[in-house]
PDB file of N, CA and C in Angstrom:
ATOM      1  N   UNK A   1      40.453  25.958  12.856  1.00  0.00           N
ATOM      2  CA  UNK A   1      39.538  26.372  11.809  1.00  0.00           C
ATOM      3  C   UNK A   1      38.973  27.743  12.175  1.00  0.00           C
ATOM      4  N   UNK A   2      39.001  28.675  11.176  1.00  0.00           N
ATOM      5  CA  UNK A   2      38.491  29.958  11.431  1.00  0.00           C
ATOM      6  C   UNK A   2      36.965  29.967  11.531  1.00  0.00           C
ATOM      7  N   UNK A   3      36.456  31.026  12.098  1.00  0.00           N
ATOM      8  CA  UNK A   3      34.977  31.187  12.270  1.00  0.00           C
ATOM      9  C   UNK A   3      34.345  31.206  10.865  1.00  0.00           C
ATOM     10  N   UNK A   4      34.923  31.913   9.881  1.00  0.00           N
ATOM     11  CA  UNK A   4      34.449  31.949   8.542  1.00  0.00           C
ATOM     12  C   UNK A   4      34.403  30.477   7.963  1.00  0.00           C
ATOM     13  N   UNK A   5      35.470  29.728   8.201  1.00  0.00           N
ATOM     14  CA  UNK A   5      35.599  28.349   7.719  1.00  0.00           C
ATOM     15  C   UNK A   5      34.478  27.495   8.323  1.00  0.00           C
ATOM     16  N   UNK A   6      34.251  27.659   9.610  1.00  0.00           N
ATOM     17  CA  UNK A   6      33.282  26.883  10.347  1.00  0.00           C
ATOM     18  C   UNK A   6      31.813  27.178   9.820  1.00  0.00           C
ATOM     19  N   UNK A   7      31.582  28.449   9.664  1.00  0.00           N
ATOM     20  CA  UNK A   7      30.244  28.892   9.224  1.00  0.00           C
ATOM     21  C   UNK A   7      30.035  28.417   7.768  1.00  0.00           C
ATOM     22  N   UNK A   8      31.067  28.520   6.877  1.00  0.00           N
ATOM     23  CA  UNK A   8      30.996  28.171   5.566  1.00  0.00           C
ATOM     24  C   UNK A   8      30.722  26.606   5.463  1.00  0.00           C
ATOM     25  N   UNK A   9      31.403  25.851   6.267  1.00  0.00           N
ATOM     26  CA  UNK A   9      31.270  24.422   6.280  1.00  0.00           C
ATOM     27  C   UNK A   9      29.834  24.080   6.702  1.00  0.00           C
ATOM     28  N   UNK A  10      29.277  24.745   7.710  1.00  0.00           N
ATOM     29  CA  UNK A  10      27.948  24.444   8.150  1.00  0.00           C
ATOM     30  C   UNK A  10      26.962  24.756   7.079  1.00  0.00           C
ATOM     31  N   UNK A  11      27.099  25.840   6.385  1.00  0.00           N
ATOM     32  CA  UNK A  11      26.157  26.260   5.394  1.00  0.00           C
ATOM     33  C   UNK A  11      26.326  25.272   4.218  1.00  0.00           C
ATOM     34  N   UNK A  12      27.473  24.928   3.803  1.00  0.00           N
ATOM     35  CA  UNK A  12      27.648  23.976   2.729  1.00  0.00           C
ATOM     36  C   UNK A  12      27.022  22.607   3.066  1.00  0.00           C
ATOM     37  N   UNK A  13      27.142  22.138   4.368  1.00  0.00           N
ATOM     38  CA  UNK A  13      26.528  20.939   4.763  1.00  0.00           C
ATOM     39  C   UNK A  13      25.021  21.032   4.568  1.00  0.00           C
ATOM     40  N   UNK A  14      24.441  22.156   5.012  1.00  0.00           N
ATOM     41  CA  UNK A  14      22.999  22.366   4.817  1.00  0.00           C
ATOM     42  C   UNK A  14      22.561  22.359   3.392  1.00  0.00           C
ATOM     43  N   UNK A  15      23.329  22.964   2.552  1.00  0.00           N
ATOM     44  CA  UNK A  15      23.004  22.900   1.151  1.00  0.00           C
ATOM     45  C   UNK A  15      22.999  21.392   0.592  1.00  0.00           C
ATOM     46  N   UNK A  16      24.039  20.734   1.024  1.00  0.00           N
ATOM     47  CA  UNK A  16      24.094  19.306   0.640  1.00  0.00           C
ATOM     48  C   UNK A  16      22.860  18.523   1.118  1.00  0.00           C
ATOM     49  N   UNK A  17      22.469  18.704   2.386  1.00  0.00           N
ATOM     50  CA  UNK A  17      21.399  18.045   2.973  1.00  0.00           C
ATOM     51  C   UNK A  17      20.102  18.328   2.200  1.00  0.00           C
ATOM     52  N   UNK A  18      19.917  19.644   1.897  1.00  0.00           N
ATOM     53  CA  UNK A  18      18.695  20.029   1.165  1.00  0.00           C
ATOM     54  C   UNK A  18      18.706  19.465  -0.243  1.00  0.00           C
ATOM     55  N   UNK A  19      19.869  19.424  -0.865  1.00  0.00           N
ATOM     56  CA  UNK A  19      19.950  18.889  -2.279  1.00  0.00           C
ATOM     57  C   UNK A  19      19.550  17.446  -2.232  1.00  0.00           C
ATOM     58  N   UNK A  20      20.038  16.724  -1.246  1.00  0.00           N
ATOM     59  CA  UNK A  20      19.634  15.268  -1.191  1.00  0.00           C
ATOM     60  C   UNK A  20      18.172  15.159  -0.959  1.00  0.00           C
ATOM     61  N   UNK A  21      17.538  16.037  -0.169  1.00  0.00           N
ATOM     62  CA  UNK A  21      16.083  16.007   0.033  1.00  0.00           C
ATOM     63  C   UNK A  21      15.386  16.202  -1.248  1.00  0.00           C
ATOM     64  N   UNK A  22      15.831  17.134  -2.097  1.00  0.00           N
ATOM     65  CA  UNK A  22      15.227  17.400  -3.372  1.00  0.00           C
ATOM     66  C   UNK A  22      15.325  16.088  -4.227  1.00  0.00           C
ATOM     67  N   UNK A  23      16.506  15.423  -4.240  1.00  0.00           N
ATOM     68  CA  UNK A  23      16.615  14.198  -5.007  1.00  0.00           C
ATOM     69  C   UNK A  23      15.618  13.143  -4.472  1.00  0.00           C
ATOM     70  N   UNK A  24      15.419  13.062  -3.123  1.00  0.00           N
ATOM     71  CA  UNK A  24      14.547  12.074  -2.560  1.00  0.00           C
ATOM     72  C   UNK A  24      13.120  12.416  -2.822  1.00  0.00           C
ATOM     73  N   UNK A  25      12.732  13.640  -2.931  1.00  0.00           N
ATOM     74  CA  UNK A  25      11.393  14.105  -3.309  1.00  0.00           C
ATOM     75  C   UNK A  25      11.169  13.737  -4.733  1.00  0.00           C
ATOM     76  N   UNK A  26      12.146  13.865  -5.650  1.00  0.00           N
ATOM     77  CA  UNK A  26      11.919  13.493  -7.003  1.00  0.00           C
ATOM     78  C   UNK A  26      11.789  11.991  -7.168  1.00  0.00           C
ATOM     79  N   UNK A  27      12.535  11.224  -6.423  1.00  0.00           N
ATOM     80  CA  UNK A  27      12.361   9.748  -6.488  1.00  0.00           C
ATOM     81  C   UNK A  27      11.050   9.376  -5.959  1.00  0.00           C
ATOM     82  N   UNK A  28      10.535   9.968  -4.881  1.00  0.00           N
ATOM     83  CA  UNK A  28       9.249   9.673  -4.348  1.00  0.00           C
ATOM     84  C   UNK A  28       8.177  10.000  -5.292  1.00  0.00           C
ATOM     85  N   UNK A  29       8.341  11.172  -6.089  1.00  0.00           N
ATOM     86  CA  UNK A  29       7.331  11.513  -6.999  1.00  0.00           C
ATOM     87  C   UNK A  29       7.198  10.478  -8.110  1.00  0.00           C
ATOM     88  N   UNK A  30       8.445  10.057  -8.623  1.00  0.00           N
ATOM     89  CA  UNK A  30       8.412   9.071  -9.615  1.00  0.00           C
ATOM     90  C   UNK A  30       7.660   7.787  -9.224  1.00  0.00           C
ATOM     91  N   UNK A  31       7.888   7.368  -7.951  1.00  0.00           N
ATOM     92  CA  UNK A  31       7.298   6.189  -7.415  1.00  0.00           C
ATOM     93  C   UNK A  31       5.744   6.393  -7.293  1.00  0.00           C
ATOM     94  N   UNK A  32       5.380   7.494  -6.784  1.00  0.00           N
ATOM     95  CA  UNK A  32       3.916   7.799  -6.618  1.00  0.00           C
ATOM     96  C   UNK A  32       3.209   7.923  -7.949  1.00  0.00           C
ATOM     97  N   UNK A  33       3.940   8.551  -8.933  1.00  0.00           N
ATOM     98  CA  UNK A  33       3.336   8.701 -10.258  1.00  0.00           C
ATOM     99  C   UNK A  33       3.130   7.306 -10.940  1.00  0.00           C
ATOM    100  N   UNK A  34       3.979   6.359 -10.670  1.00  0.00           N
ATOM    101  CA  UNK A  34       3.821   5.059 -11.267  1.00  0.00           C
ATOM    102  C   UNK A  34       2.646   4.312 -10.548  1.00  0.00           C
ATOM    103  N   UNK A  35       2.419   4.634  -9.254  1.00  0.00           N
ATOM    104  CA  UNK A  35       1.313   3.997  -8.540  1.00  0.00           C
ATOM    105  C   UNK A  35      -0.092   4.744  -8.663  1.00  0.00           C
ATOM    106  N   UNK A  36      -0.015   5.942  -9.168  1.00  0.00           N
ATOM    107  CA  UNK A  36      -1.252   6.727  -9.340  1.00  0.00           C
ATOM    108  C   UNK A  36      -2.278   6.000 -10.240  1.00  0.00           C
ATOM    109  N   UNK A  37      -3.489   5.928  -9.755  1.00  0.00           N
ATOM    110  CA  UNK A  37      -4.569   5.211 -10.520  1.00  0.00           C
ATOM    111  C   UNK A  37      -5.183   5.991 -11.612  1.00  0.00           C
ATOM    112  N   UNK A  38      -5.200   7.284 -11.591  1.00  0.00           N
ATOM    113  CA  UNK A  38      -5.812   8.115 -12.615  1.00  0.00           C
ATOM    114  C   UNK A  38      -5.050   9.456 -12.693  1.00  0.00           C
ATOM    115  N   UNK A  39      -5.592  10.228 -13.679  1.00  0.00           N
ATOM    116  CA  UNK A  39      -4.984  11.470 -14.048  1.00  0.00           C
ATOM    117  C   UNK A  39      -5.111  12.471 -12.811  1.00  0.00           C
ATOM    118  N   UNK A  40      -6.232  12.397 -12.163  1.00  0.00           N
ATOM    119  CA  UNK A  40      -6.427  13.290 -10.997  1.00  0.00           C
ATOM    120  C   UNK A  40      -5.391  13.008  -9.897  1.00  0.00           C
ATOM    121  N   UNK A  41      -5.164  11.740  -9.612  1.00  0.00           N
ATOM    122  CA  UNK A  41      -4.163  11.338  -8.629  1.00  0.00           C
ATOM    123  C   UNK A  41      -2.873  11.752  -9.036  1.00  0.00           C
ATOM    124  N   UNK A  42      -2.490  11.675 -10.298  1.00  0.00           N
ATOM    125  CA  UNK A  42      -1.191  12.090 -10.865  1.00  0.00           C
ATOM    126  C   UNK A  42      -1.064  13.567 -10.621  1.00  0.00           C
ATOM    127  N   UNK A  43      -2.112  14.298 -10.963  1.00  0.00           N
ATOM    128  CA  UNK A  43      -2.059  15.792 -10.845  1.00  0.00           C
ATOM    129  C   UNK A  43      -1.815  16.220  -9.376  1.00  0.00           C
ATOM    130  N   UNK A  44      -2.439  15.457  -8.432  1.00  0.00           N
ATOM    131  CA  UNK A  44      -2.313  15.831  -6.968  1.00  0.00           C
ATOM    132  C   UNK A  44      -0.879  15.517  -6.597  1.00  0.00           C
ATOM    133  N   UNK A  45      -0.241  14.430  -6.987  1.00  0.00           N
ATOM    134  CA  UNK A  45       1.092  14.007  -6.709  1.00  0.00           C
ATOM    135  C   UNK A  45       2.058  15.167  -7.283  1.00  0.00           C
ATOM    136  N   UNK A  46       1.794  15.503  -8.527  1.00  0.00           N
ATOM    137  CA  UNK A  46       2.682  16.563  -9.148  1.00  0.00           C
ATOM    138  C   UNK A  46       2.631  17.810  -8.420  1.00  0.00           C
ATOM    139  N   UNK A  47       1.423  18.243  -8.004  1.00  0.00           N
ATOM    140  CA  UNK A  47       1.240  19.486  -7.309  1.00  0.00           C
ATOM    141  C   UNK A  47       1.937  19.436  -5.928  1.00  0.00           C
ATOM    142  N   UNK A  48       1.732  18.348  -5.247  1.00  0.00           N
ATOM    143  CA  UNK A  48       2.322  18.309  -3.854  1.00  0.00           C
ATOM    144  C   UNK A  48       3.890  18.321  -3.990  1.00  0.00           C
ATOM    145  N   UNK A  49       4.406  17.490  -4.869  1.00  0.00           N
ATOM    146  CA  UNK A  49       5.825  17.372  -5.010  1.00  0.00           C
ATOM    147  C   UNK A  49       6.439  18.636  -5.489  1.00  0.00           C
ATOM    148  N   UNK A  50       5.768  19.338  -6.424  1.00  0.00           N
ATOM    149  CA  UNK A  50       6.196  20.584  -6.993  1.00  0.00           C
ATOM    150  C   UNK A  50       6.364  21.613  -5.862  1.00  0.00           C
ATOM    151  N   UNK A  51       5.402  21.658  -4.965  1.00  0.00           N
ATOM    152  CA  UNK A  51       5.373  22.589  -3.760  1.00  0.00           C
ATOM    153  C   UNK A  51       6.558  22.192  -2.895  1.00  0.00           C
ATOM    154  N   UNK A  52       6.747  20.931  -2.577  1.00  0.00           N
ATOM    155  CA  UNK A  52       7.810  20.542  -1.683  1.00  0.00           C
ATOM    156  C   UNK A  52       9.236  20.920  -2.226  1.00  0.00           C
ATOM    157  N   UNK A  53       9.401  20.572  -3.586  1.00  0.00           N
ATOM    158  CA  UNK A  53      10.681  20.865  -4.217  1.00  0.00           C
ATOM    159  C   UNK A  53      10.850  22.430  -4.374  1.00  0.00           C
ATOM    160  N   UNK A  54       9.913  23.139  -4.594  1.00  0.00           N
ATOM    161  CA  UNK A  54      10.037  24.615  -4.631  1.00  0.00           C
ATOM    162  C   UNK A  54      10.434  25.205  -3.234  1.00  0.00           C
ATOM    163  N   UNK A  55       9.897  24.563  -2.169  1.00  0.00           N
ATOM    164  CA  UNK A  55      10.228  25.032  -0.781  1.00  0.00           C
ATOM    165  C   UNK A  55      11.632  24.653  -0.513  1.00  0.00           C
ATOM    166  N   UNK A  56      12.052  23.485  -0.818  1.00  0.00           N
ATOM    167  CA  UNK A  56      13.440  23.057  -0.632  1.00  0.00           C
ATOM    168  C   UNK A  56      14.367  23.924  -1.510  1.00  0.00           C
ATOM    169  N   UNK A  57      14.024  24.228  -2.689  1.00  0.00           N
ATOM    170  CA  UNK A  57      14.871  24.999  -3.578  1.00  0.00           C
ATOM    171  C   UNK A  57      15.057  26.417  -3.057  1.00  0.00           C
ATOM    172  N   UNK A  58      14.020  26.965  -2.436  1.00  0.00           N
ATOM    173  CA  UNK A  58      14.052  28.273  -1.791  1.00  0.00           C
ATOM    174  C   UNK A  58      15.045  28.268  -0.606  1.00  0.00           C
ATOM    175  N   UNK A  59      14.952  27.123   0.171  1.00  0.00           N
ATOM    176  CA  UNK A  59      15.816  27.050   1.267  1.00  0.00           C
ATOM    177  C   UNK A  59      17.346  26.916   0.800  1.00  0.00           C
ATOM    178  N   UNK A  60      17.506  26.273  -0.277  1.00  0.00           N
ATOM    179  CA  UNK A  60      18.902  26.152  -0.883  1.00  0.00           C
ATOM    180  C   UNK A  60      19.360  27.532  -1.312  1.00  0.00           C
ATOM    181  N   UNK A  61      18.477  28.274  -1.992  1.00  0.00           N
ATOM    182  CA  UNK A  61      18.914  29.651  -2.403  1.00  0.00           C
ATOM    183  C   UNK A  61      19.261  30.546  -1.228  1.00  0.00           C
ATOM    184  N   UNK A  62      18.472  30.388  -0.204  1.00  0.00           N
ATOM    185  CA  UNK A  62      18.747  31.197   1.053  1.00  0.00           C
ATOM    186  C   UNK A  62      20.100  30.769   1.621  1.00  0.00           C
ATOM    187  N   UNK A  63      20.301  29.540   1.654  1.00  0.00           N
ATOM    188  CA  UNK A  63      21.625  29.055   2.186  1.00  0.00           C
ATOM    189  C   UNK A  63      22.798  29.510   1.335  1.00  0.00           C
ATOM    190  N   UNK A  64      22.617  29.540   0.023  1.00  0.00           N
ATOM    191  CA  UNK A  64      23.687  30.051  -0.901  1.00  0.00           C
ATOM    192  C   UNK A  64      23.967  31.534  -0.685  1.00  0.00           C
ATOM    193  N   UNK A  65      22.861  32.267  -0.439  1.00  0.00           N
ATOM    194  CA  UNK A  65      22.957  33.720  -0.097  1.00  0.00           C
ATOM    195  C   UNK A  65      23.669  33.901   1.267  1.00  0.00           C
ATOM    196  N   UNK A  66      23.410  33.076   2.132  1.00  0.00           N
ATOM    197  CA  UNK A  66      24.126  33.184   3.487  1.00  0.00           C
ATOM    198  C   UNK A  66      25.606  32.885   3.304  1.00  0.00           C
ATOM    199  N   UNK A  67      25.814  31.958   2.415  1.00  0.00           N
ATOM    200  CA  UNK A  67      27.259  31.610   2.243  1.00  0.00           C
ATOM    201  C   UNK A  67      28.051  32.829   1.564  1.00  0.00           C
ATOM    202  N   UNK A  68      27.328  33.446   0.569  1.00  0.00           N
ATOM    203  CA  UNK A  68      27.982  34.526  -0.122  1.00  0.00           C
ATOM    204  C   UNK A  68      28.113  35.744   0.909  1.00  0.00           C
ATOM    205  N   UNK A  69      27.078  35.943   1.685  1.00  0.00           N
ATOM    206  CA  UNK A  69      27.178  37.059   2.708  1.00  0.00           C
ATOM    207  C   UNK A  69      28.207  36.805   3.721  1.00  0.00           C
ATOM    208  N   UNK A  70      28.475  35.551   4.105  1.00  0.00           N
ATOM    209  CA  UNK A  70      29.303  35.234   5.183  1.00  0.00           C
ATOM    210  C   UNK A  70      30.778  35.665   4.802  1.00  0.00           C
ATOM    211  N   UNK A  71      31.092  35.644   3.527  1.00  0.00           N
ATOM    212  CA  UNK A  71      32.431  35.925   3.113  1.00  0.00           C
ATOM    213  C   UNK A  71      32.746  37.387   3.359  1.00  0.00           C
ATOM    214  N   UNK A  72      31.721  38.283   3.390  1.00  0.00           N
ATOM    215  CA  UNK A  72      32.002  39.751   3.660  1.00  0.00           C
ATOM    216  C   UNK A  72      31.525  40.167   5.012  1.00  0.00           C
ATOM    217  N   UNK A  73      31.189  39.123   5.940  1.00  0.00           N
ATOM    218  CA  UNK A  73      30.668  39.489   7.169  1.00  0.00           C
ATOM    219  C   UNK A  73      31.737  39.804   8.242  1.00  0.00           C
ATOM    220  N   UNK A  74      31.383  40.590   9.256  1.00  0.00           N
ATOM    221  CA  UNK A  74      32.220  40.858  10.320  1.00  0.00           C
ATOM    222  C   UNK A  74      32.295  39.654  11.268  1.00  0.00           C
ATOM    223  N   UNK A  75      33.224  39.596  12.242  1.00  0.00           N
ATOM    224  CA  UNK A  75      33.305  38.519  13.145  1.00  0.00           C
ATOM    225  C   UNK A  75      31.953  38.453  13.957  1.00  0.00           C
ATOM    226  N   UNK A  76      31.439  39.561  14.326  1.00  0.00           N
ATOM    227  CA  UNK A  76      30.202  39.566  15.083  1.00  0.00           C
ATOM    228  C   UNK A  76      29.033  38.922  14.289  1.00  0.00           C
ATOM    229  N   UNK A  77      28.987  39.393  13.038  1.00  0.00           N
ATOM    230  CA  UNK A  77      27.924  38.829  12.165  1.00  0.00           C
ATOM    231  C   UNK A  77      28.112  37.356  11.901  1.00  0.00           C
ATOM    232  N   UNK A  78      29.345  36.855  11.780  1.00  0.00           N
ATOM    233  CA  UNK A  78      29.620  35.508  11.657  1.00  0.00           C
ATOM    234  C   UNK A  78      29.264  34.692  12.828  1.00  0.00           C
ATOM    235  N   UNK A  79      29.514  35.317  14.025  1.00  0.00           N
ATOM    236  CA  UNK A  79      29.139  34.608  15.280  1.00  0.00           C
ATOM    237  C   UNK A  79      27.596  34.477  15.360  1.00  0.00           C
ATOM    238  N   UNK A  80      26.900  35.499  14.982  1.00  0.00           N
ATOM    239  CA  UNK A  80      25.371  35.411  14.997  1.00  0.00           C
ATOM    240  C   UNK A  80      24.884  34.339  13.985  1.00  0.00           C
ATOM    241  N   UNK A  81      25.513  34.346  12.924  1.00  0.00           N
ATOM    242  CA  UNK A  81      25.165  33.338  11.882  1.00  0.00           C
ATOM    243  C   UNK A  81      25.425  31.902  12.306  1.00  0.00           C
ATOM    244  N   UNK A  82      26.592  31.729  12.958  1.00  0.00           N
ATOM    245  CA  UNK A  82      27.004  30.405  13.506  1.00  0.00           C
ATOM    246  C   UNK A  82      26.000  29.999  14.527  1.00  0.00           C
ATOM    247  N   UNK A  83      25.566  30.931  15.432  1.00  0.00           N
ATOM    248  CA  UNK A  83      24.523  30.642  16.404  1.00  0.00           C
ATOM    249  C   UNK A  83      23.220  30.183  15.798  1.00  0.00           C
ATOM    250  N   UNK A  84      22.848  30.863  14.723  1.00  0.00           N
ATOM    251  CA  UNK A  84      21.587  30.609  14.101  1.00  0.00           C
ATOM    252  C   UNK A  84      21.571  29.253  13.352  1.00  0.00           C
ATOM    253  N   UNK A  85      22.755  28.888  12.909  1.00  0.00           N
ATOM    254  CA  UNK A  85      22.927  27.563  12.198  1.00  0.00           C
ATOM    255  C   UNK A  85      23.007  26.426  13.191  1.00  0.00           C
ATOM    256  N   UNK A  86      23.657  26.658  14.363  1.00  0.00           N
ATOM    257  CA  UNK A  86      23.797  25.509  15.277  1.00  0.00           C
ATOM    258  C   UNK A  86      22.741  25.485  16.329  1.00  0.00           C
ATOM    259  N   UNK A  87      21.974  26.573  16.444  1.00  0.00           N
ATOM    260  CA  UNK A  87      20.941  26.682  17.500  1.00  0.00           C
ATOM    261  C   UNK A  87      21.483  26.871  18.942  1.00  0.00           C
ATOM    262  N   UNK A  88      22.740  27.401  18.969  1.00  0.00           N
ATOM    263  CA  UNK A  88      23.307  27.617  20.225  1.00  0.00           C
ATOM    264  C   UNK A  88      23.682  29.071  20.473  1.00  0.00           C
TER     265      UNK A  88
END
């Protein structure tokens, strides 16, 4: 597997993980909204979940940009990206 393939796979895996977290947040929001006792509680749930989902969506967007950038990156840039993704 080439370095580009390895980096691309790692980024795609990250995007998938983040997308699953967005889905989990949405499911949690639905559950909490059903349990909310009043409008204020519902508003708080909506606000918190909205912030969490926006944060996750921002991370997805960053990962998609990394994926696009990786396709034009040099070997050195790919190696740096791989290190940042794997923590090694």
